[in-house]
């Protein structure tokens, strides 16, 4: 098993952060994903929607996974990660099926009535009730992307987002290609350990200095966006992580309060913490 850093297109090169200057030339091999508000080529009716607002979620990242990380089998080799409505979202009047039929005069509600869950949709909810989604994607859905989200069907002034979360219509970020470069990491293949509690863990190498004032010299080369290896949470590490996890900082358009998230591809563990 290997661990990988995510590297992001930035002009004529790639860097370990999507908004910082490139530090390496563009690789000669094809990218294995992208960031930005365009998503994979799923049926538009299955683009993830917020369960309360009905607004389509913001697409942050699509990634073609190395074989070891394809934890749903070879037919689902890629994932897409989305963030939706925030902690202040209120349910629409029509969110309860008992409230009656959708308003056929409202194009947004008509469009929402056609929406269905993607067959590989996995919803995630954080501790403050923010909504997220992970889609496991077929090779065809991955390879035909990136594509724009479904068109905005709201009439002016209606269904305004006031929940402090992103959505696909109001949060627009450019598409940037992503590459995976092998990560030289002594903790590859191991269950992540919270660095603060790492002392005494057999085989675990702590990425910080003894007083936690800085990263250890070997860890300074590691990226903050990565698959597997050493987890470096901004606050505490969620329980239930396996070696098959994705850790990302706040990609453009996401709202982690300046922090980072851990997304497990085996156990479905998910959490984020602000900086």
Protein backbone atom coordinates (compact mmCIF):
# COMPACT_ATOMS: atom_id res chain seq x y z
CA UNK A 1 0.00 0.00 0.00
CA UNK A 2 1.09 3.57 -0.71
CA UNK A 3 0.06 7.02 0.45
CA UNK A 4 -0.34 9.96 -1.93
CA UNK A 5 -0.30 13.75 -1.79
CA UNK A 6 -2.76 15.72 -3.90
CA UNK A 7 -1.10 18.27 -6.16
CA UNK A 8 -3.11 21.01 -7.84
CA UNK A 9 -2.81 22.73 -11.20
CA UNK A 10 -1.78 26.35 -10.89
CA UNK A 11 -0.86 28.03 -14.15
CA UNK A 12 2.00 26.20 -15.83
CA UNK A 13 2.83 24.02 -12.85
CA UNK A 14 1.46 22.23 -9.79
CA UNK A 15 1.54 23.02 -6.08
CA UNK A 16 0.49 21.38 -2.83
CA UNK A 17 -2.19 24.02 -2.27
CA UNK A 18 -4.64 25.11 -4.99
CA UNK A 19 -4.19 28.83 -4.29
CA UNK A 20 -0.43 28.99 -3.77
CA UNK A 21 2.32 29.34 -6.33
CA UNK A 22 3.29 26.21 -8.26
CA UNK A 23 6.52 24.56 -7.14
CA UNK A 24 6.81 21.81 -9.78
CA UNK A 25 6.18 21.65 -13.53
CA UNK A 26 3.00 20.07 -14.84
CA UNK A 27 3.33 16.25 -14.87
CA UNK A 28 3.50 14.48 -18.21
CA UNK A 29 0.84 11.96 -17.20
CA UNK A 30 -2.87 12.72 -17.20
CA UNK A 31 -4.50 14.21 -14.09
CA UNK A 32 -6.58 11.95 -11.85
CA UNK A 33 -9.26 14.40 -10.82
CA UNK A 34 -10.22 18.01 -10.39
CA UNK A 35 -11.50 20.61 -7.95
CA UNK A 36 -14.04 23.32 -8.62
CA UNK A 37 -17.79 23.63 -8.92
CA UNK A 38 -18.06 21.40 -12.02
CA UNK A 39 -18.68 17.77 -11.09
CA UNK A 40 -18.68 14.30 -12.56
CA UNK A 41 -20.99 13.32 -15.41
CA UNK A 42 -23.83 11.97 -13.31
CA UNK A 43 -27.46 12.15 -14.36
CA UNK A 44 -28.40 15.76 -13.49
CA UNK A 45 -31.40 14.48 -11.55
CA UNK A 46 -29.00 12.69 -9.17
CA UNK A 47 -26.74 15.65 -8.38
CA UNK A 48 -26.82 15.70 -4.53
CA UNK A 49 -29.35 18.09 -3.01
CA UNK A 50 -29.61 19.54 0.46
CA UNK A 51 -32.35 17.63 2.30
CA UNK A 52 -33.76 20.80 3.88
CA UNK A 53 -33.31 23.53 1.29
CA UNK A 54 -33.45 21.37 -1.83
CA UNK A 55 -30.55 23.37 -3.29
CA UNK A 56 -27.94 21.37 -5.20
CA UNK A 57 -24.77 20.84 -3.16
CA UNK A 58 -21.46 22.46 -4.05
CA UNK A 59 -18.97 20.12 -5.73
CA UNK A 60 -15.49 20.42 -4.22
CA UNK A 61 -13.42 17.46 -5.47
CA UNK A 62 -13.61 14.48 -7.80
CA UNK A 63 -10.77 11.97 -7.58
CA UNK A 64 -9.88 8.78 -9.42
CA UNK A 65 -8.55 6.56 -6.65
CA UNK A 66 -5.53 4.24 -6.72
CA UNK A 67 -6.60 0.57 -6.64
CA UNK A 68 -5.98 0.11 -2.89
CA UNK A 69 -8.40 2.93 -2.11
CA UNK A 70 -11.28 1.67 -4.27
CA UNK A 71 -13.11 0.31 -1.24
CA UNK A 72 -16.41 -0.21 -3.06
CA UNK A 73 -14.84 -2.41 -5.73
CA UNK A 74 -13.27 -1.93 -9.17
CA UNK A 75 -16.55 -0.84 -10.77
CA UNK A 76 -16.57 2.32 -8.60
CA UNK A 77 -13.04 3.67 -8.98
CA UNK A 78 -13.66 7.35 -8.20
CA UNK A 79 -15.36 9.59 -5.64
CA UNK A 80 -16.93 13.03 -5.65
CA UNK A 81 -17.14 15.13 -2.47
CA UNK A 82 -19.80 17.81 -1.93
CA UNK A 83 -20.80 20.30 0.76
CA UNK A 84 -24.33 21.60 1.11
CA UNK A 85 -26.53 23.49 3.50
CA UNK A 86 -25.10 24.79 6.74
CA UNK A 87 -26.18 24.67 10.35
CA UNK A 88 -28.75 27.45 9.97
CA UNK A 89 -30.77 25.78 7.21
CA UNK A 90 -34.53 25.69 7.66
CA UNK A 91 -36.73 23.12 5.95
CA UNK A 92 -38.79 24.24 3.00
CA UNK A 93 -42.52 24.26 3.51
CA UNK A 94 -42.72 21.36 1.04
CA UNK A 95 -39.91 19.32 2.64
CA UNK A 96 -42.47 17.25 4.53
CA UNK A 97 -44.36 14.95 2.12
CA UNK A 98 -47.43 15.40 4.34
CA UNK A 99 -47.45 19.09 3.38
CA UNK A 100 -48.96 18.18 0.02
CA UNK A 101 -47.84 18.27 -3.63
CA UNK A 102 -45.19 20.56 -5.02
CA UNK A 103 -46.20 23.92 -6.43
CA UNK A 104 -46.46 23.24 -10.17
CA UNK A 105 -46.19 26.97 -10.83
CA UNK A 106 -42.74 27.13 -9.22
CA UNK A 107 -40.00 25.93 -11.63
CA UNK A 108 -37.64 25.21 -8.72
CA UNK A 109 -40.15 22.92 -7.04
CA UNK A 110 -40.98 21.20 -10.32
CA UNK A 111 -37.27 20.59 -10.90
CA UNK A 112 -36.84 19.36 -7.33
CA UNK A 113 -39.73 16.96 -7.81
CA UNK A 114 -37.76 15.24 -10.58
CA UNK A 115 -34.65 14.80 -8.40
CA UNK A 116 -33.67 11.32 -7.20
CA UNK A 117 -30.77 10.04 -5.12
CA UNK A 118 -27.69 8.86 -6.98
CA UNK A 119 -27.41 5.07 -6.52
CA UNK A 120 -24.06 5.52 -4.74
CA UNK A 121 -24.96 8.58 -2.66
CA UNK A 122 -23.63 8.57 0.90
CA UNK A 123 -24.75 11.47 3.06
CA UNK A 124 -22.63 12.88 5.85
CA UNK A 125 -23.71 15.22 8.66
CA UNK A 126 -21.24 17.06 10.87
CA UNK A 127 -21.60 17.81 14.58
CA UNK A 128 -23.29 21.17 13.89
CA UNK A 129 -25.74 19.70 11.33
CA UNK A 130 -23.93 20.82 8.21
CA UNK A 131 -24.65 18.54 5.24
CA UNK A 132 -22.13 16.79 2.99
CA UNK A 133 -22.21 14.03 0.39
CA UNK A 134 -19.84 11.46 -1.05
CA UNK A 135 -20.61 9.88 -4.43
CA UNK A 136 -18.90 6.68 -5.52
CA UNK A 137 -18.55 7.02 -9.29
CA UNK A 138 -18.28 4.65 -12.21
CA UNK A 139 -15.39 5.09 -14.63
CA UNK A 140 -17.78 6.50 -17.22
CA UNK A 141 -19.17 9.09 -14.79
CA UNK A 142 -15.63 10.10 -13.91
CA UNK A 143 -14.12 10.10 -17.40
CA UNK A 144 -16.88 12.20 -18.98
CA UNK A 145 -16.46 15.03 -16.44
CA UNK A 146 -16.06 17.73 -15.42
CA UNK A 147 -19.54 19.00 -16.21
CA UNK A 148 -21.48 21.98 -14.90
CA UNK A 149 -24.09 21.46 -12.19
CA UNK A 150 -27.78 21.42 -13.13
CA UNK A 151 -29.03 24.82 -14.30
CA UNK A 152 -30.46 27.23 -11.74
CA UNK A 153 -34.25 27.01 -11.90
CA UNK A 154 -35.05 29.62 -9.23
CA UNK A 155 -37.09 32.66 -10.05
CA UNK A 156 -35.49 35.97 -8.94
CA UNK A 157 -35.63 36.42 -5.18
CA UNK A 158 -36.95 32.93 -4.44
CA UNK A 159 -35.31 30.03 -2.56
CA UNK A 160 -32.48 32.29 -1.43
CA UNK A 161 -29.72 30.49 0.49
CA UNK A 162 -29.35 31.92 4.01
CA UNK A 163 -27.93 28.84 5.78
CA UNK A 164 -24.21 29.83 5.61
CA UNK A 165 -23.39 26.73 3.57
CA UNK A 166 -22.28 26.60 -0.07
CA UNK A 167 -24.44 25.38 -2.93
CA UNK A 168 -23.87 24.65 -6.60
CA UNK A 169 -25.69 27.74 -7.86
CA UNK A 170 -24.33 30.45 -5.59
CA UNK A 171 -20.79 29.13 -5.00
CA UNK A 172 -18.79 29.05 -8.24
CA UNK A 173 -15.10 28.16 -8.33
CA UNK A 174 -12.84 27.39 -11.32
CA UNK A 175 -11.88 23.88 -12.35
CA UNK A 176 -8.28 22.89 -11.59
CA UNK A 177 -6.76 19.51 -12.37
CA UNK A 178 -5.41 17.26 -9.63
CA UNK A 179 -2.54 14.78 -9.65
CA UNK A 180 -1.52 12.19 -7.04
CA UNK A 181 2.18 11.97 -6.20
CA UNK A 182 3.51 9.24 -3.95
CA UNK A 183 3.97 10.39 -0.35
CA UNK A 184 7.12 9.35 1.53
CA UNK A 185 5.40 8.69 4.83
CA UNK A 186 6.48 6.23 7.57
CA UNK A 187 2.87 5.81 8.73
CA UNK A 188 1.48 4.53 5.43
CA UNK A 189 -0.79 1.52 5.83
CA UNK A 190 -1.42 2.20 9.53
CA UNK A 191 -4.59 3.25 11.29
CA UNK A 192 -4.25 7.00 11.94
CA UNK A 193 -3.38 8.11 15.45
CA UNK A 194 -4.07 11.49 16.97
CA UNK A 195 -0.58 13.03 17.16
CA UNK A 196 -1.23 14.31 20.69
CA UNK A 197 -1.92 10.73 21.83
CA UNK A 198 0.65 9.03 19.60
CA UNK A 199 3.34 8.37 22.21
CA UNK A 200 3.61 4.68 22.93
CA UNK A 201 1.71 3.56 19.82
CA UNK A 202 3.72 0.67 18.34
CA UNK A 203 5.16 1.48 14.93
CA UNK A 204 3.72 5.00 14.81
CA UNK A 205 6.01 7.92 13.99
CA UNK A 206 4.89 11.25 15.44
CA UNK A 207 4.93 14.04 12.82
CA UNK A 208 5.55 16.77 15.41
CA UNK A 209 8.42 17.81 17.61
CA UNK A 210 8.35 16.78 21.28
CA UNK A 211 6.80 20.09 22.38
CA UNK A 212 4.36 20.17 19.42
CA UNK A 213 5.67 23.58 18.40
CA UNK A 214 6.46 22.49 14.84
CA UNK A 215 6.38 19.58 12.45
CA UNK A 216 9.24 17.11 12.67
CA UNK A 217 11.79 17.65 9.86
CA UNK A 218 10.64 14.56 7.92
CA UNK A 219 7.00 15.67 8.10
CA UNK A 220 7.55 19.16 6.69
CA UNK A 221 7.59 17.76 3.16
CA UNK A 222 4.15 16.17 3.57
CA UNK A 223 1.12 17.82 1.99
CA UNK A 224 -2.05 18.73 3.87
CA UNK A 225 -4.19 17.17 1.13
CA UNK A 226 -3.55 13.46 0.92
CA UNK A 227 -4.72 9.84 0.73
CA UNK A 228 -3.51 7.67 3.63
CA UNK A 229 -0.40 8.06 5.74
CA UNK A 230 -0.07 10.49 8.63
CA UNK A 231 -3.22 12.34 9.65
CA UNK A 232 -2.67 15.90 10.84
CA UNK A 233 -6.02 17.16 12.14
CA UNK A 234 -6.44 20.80 13.08
CA UNK A 235 -8.08 19.70 16.33
CA UNK A 236 -8.87 16.13 17.44
CA UNK A 237 -8.97 13.08 15.18
CA UNK A 238 -12.36 11.37 14.69
CA UNK A 239 -12.68 7.79 15.91
CA UNK A 240 -13.08 5.02 13.37
CA UNK A 241 -10.55 6.04 10.73
CA UNK A 242 -8.80 3.31 8.76
CA UNK A 243 -5.63 3.50 6.61
CA UNK A 244 -7.92 4.28 3.65
CA UNK A 245 -8.80 7.91 4.33
CA UNK A 246 -8.73 11.22 2.50
CA UNK A 247 -7.64 14.30 4.43
CA UNK A 248 -8.21 17.75 2.93
CA UNK A 249 -7.90 21.33 4.04
CA UNK A 250 -10.46 23.92 3.03
CA UNK A 251 -10.59 23.70 -0.76
CA UNK A 252 -11.95 26.75 -2.61
CA UNK A 253 -15.70 27.00 -1.99
CA UNK A 254 -15.75 24.75 1.08
CA UNK A 255 -16.45 26.04 4.57
CA UNK A 256 -14.45 24.25 7.27
CA UNK A 257 -13.91 27.41 9.29
CA UNK A 258 -10.33 27.48 8.02
CA UNK A 259 -9.74 23.87 9.12
CA UNK A 260 -9.44 20.38 7.70
CA UNK A 261 -11.58 17.26 7.21
CA UNK A 262 -11.04 13.50 7.31
CA UNK A 263 -13.14 11.36 4.95
CA UNK A 264 -12.74 7.60 5.39
CA UNK A 265 -13.31 5.46 2.30
CA UNK A 266 -13.62 2.20 4.23
CA UNK A 267 -15.46 2.91 7.49
CA UNK A 268 -17.50 5.94 6.39
CA UNK A 269 -16.08 7.99 9.28
CA UNK A 270 -16.22 11.71 8.56
CA UNK A 271 -15.47 14.85 10.53
CA UNK A 272 -13.91 18.27 10.20
CA UNK A 273 -12.63 20.89 12.61
CA UNK A 274 -12.00 24.61 12.23
CA UNK A 275 -8.58 26.19 12.49
